[in-house]
């Protein structure tokens, strides 16, 4: 996809508001087709077992868009050490 799609990535929660049900609208190739893809990002300084909030709107959006959705979980964030851990949930 490369640079042709980089300009189309939108930080939705920042640019359009926090009510869309996801944070980033991007593009991905799935089964040879390039289409919109939605990413929700959750970040905590605690470890991977630290609870985080997901709103009813975010959950509903994830359920309605399972093939085009991913939750990215950033945890163990240390700004002082400039490191973190990450894992992803598709659909």
Protein backbone atom coordinates (compact mmCIF):
# COMPACT_ATOMS: atom_id res chain seq x y z
CA UNK A 1 0.00 0.00 0.00
CA UNK A 2 2.83 2.34 0.87
CA UNK A 3 2.86 6.08 0.30
CA UNK A 4 -0.32 6.06 -1.81
CA UNK A 5 -2.31 5.36 1.36
CA UNK A 6 -0.18 7.03 4.03
CA UNK A 7 -1.85 10.37 3.35
CA UNK A 8 -5.27 8.80 3.83
CA UNK A 9 -4.62 7.65 7.41
CA UNK A 10 -6.69 9.72 9.85
CA UNK A 11 -6.24 10.11 13.61
CA UNK A 12 -10.02 10.17 14.00
CA UNK A 13 -10.19 10.69 17.77
CA UNK A 14 -7.93 13.73 17.39
CA UNK A 15 -9.16 15.21 14.10
CA UNK A 16 -12.87 14.36 14.13
CA UNK A 17 -13.73 13.74 17.78
CA UNK A 18 -13.88 10.78 20.12
CA UNK A 19 -17.31 9.39 19.25
CA UNK A 20 -16.51 7.27 16.19
CA UNK A 21 -15.84 4.07 18.15
CA UNK A 22 -12.21 3.83 17.04
CA UNK A 23 -9.08 6.00 17.06
CA UNK A 24 -7.43 5.55 13.66
CA UNK A 25 -8.86 5.02 10.17
CA UNK A 26 -6.26 3.34 8.03
CA UNK A 27 -6.05 1.04 5.00
CA UNK A 28 -5.13 -2.62 4.70
CA UNK A 29 -4.93 -5.23 2.04
CA UNK A 30 -7.07 -8.23 2.92
CA UNK A 31 -7.51 -11.06 0.42
CA UNK A 32 -6.07 -8.88 -2.34
CA UNK A 33 -8.47 -6.00 -1.71
CA UNK A 34 -7.42 -2.68 -0.17
CA UNK A 35 -10.08 -1.28 2.12
CA UNK A 36 -10.57 0.90 5.17
CA UNK A 37 -9.38 -0.55 8.46
CA UNK A 38 -10.24 0.72 11.94
CA UNK A 39 -7.86 0.73 14.92
CA UNK A 40 -8.67 1.39 18.57
CA UNK A 41 -5.65 2.08 20.81
CA UNK A 42 -5.68 1.49 24.57
CA UNK A 43 -2.64 2.49 26.64
CA UNK A 44 -1.72 1.98 30.30
CA UNK A 45 1.47 2.24 32.30
CA UNK A 46 0.51 -0.95 34.15
CA UNK A 47 1.28 -4.47 32.94
CA UNK A 48 -0.74 -6.55 30.48
CA UNK A 49 -3.22 -7.47 33.24
CA UNK A 50 -4.10 -3.84 33.99
CA UNK A 51 -7.76 -3.16 33.32
CA UNK A 52 -8.69 -0.57 30.73
CA UNK A 53 -11.99 1.01 29.76
CA UNK A 54 -13.74 0.28 26.50
CA UNK A 55 -16.94 2.23 25.96
CA UNK A 56 -20.23 0.72 24.82
CA UNK A 57 -19.81 2.65 21.56
CA UNK A 58 -16.30 1.24 20.99
CA UNK A 59 -17.49 -2.30 21.76
CA UNK A 60 -20.46 -1.98 19.42
CA UNK A 61 -18.25 -0.63 16.64
CA UNK A 62 -15.84 -3.56 17.10
CA UNK A 63 -18.71 -6.06 16.97
CA UNK A 64 -20.14 -4.43 13.84
CA UNK A 65 -16.78 -4.34 12.02
CA UNK A 66 -15.01 -7.57 13.02
CA UNK A 67 -13.27 -8.09 9.68
CA UNK A 68 -11.95 -4.50 9.51
CA UNK A 69 -11.10 -3.81 13.17
CA UNK A 70 -8.14 -4.22 15.49
CA UNK A 71 -7.57 -3.23 19.10
CA UNK A 72 -3.95 -2.32 19.82
CA UNK A 73 -3.08 -2.69 23.49
CA UNK A 74 -0.03 -0.72 24.65
CA UNK A 75 0.99 -1.54 28.21
CA UNK A 76 3.92 -1.21 30.59
CA UNK A 77 4.45 2.26 29.14
CA UNK A 78 7.41 4.05 30.67
CA UNK A 79 7.92 7.50 29.25
CA UNK A 80 11.08 7.92 31.35
CA UNK A 81 12.62 4.73 29.91
CA UNK A 82 10.96 5.28 26.52
CA UNK A 83 9.71 1.72 26.24
CA UNK A 84 6.46 -0.23 26.19
CA UNK A 85 4.94 -3.59 25.31
CA UNK A 86 2.20 -4.10 22.73
CA UNK A 87 -0.22 -6.75 21.56
CA UNK A 88 -3.11 -6.73 19.13
CA UNK A 89 -6.59 -8.23 19.00
CA UNK A 90 -8.08 -8.63 15.57
CA UNK A 91 -11.84 -8.34 15.12
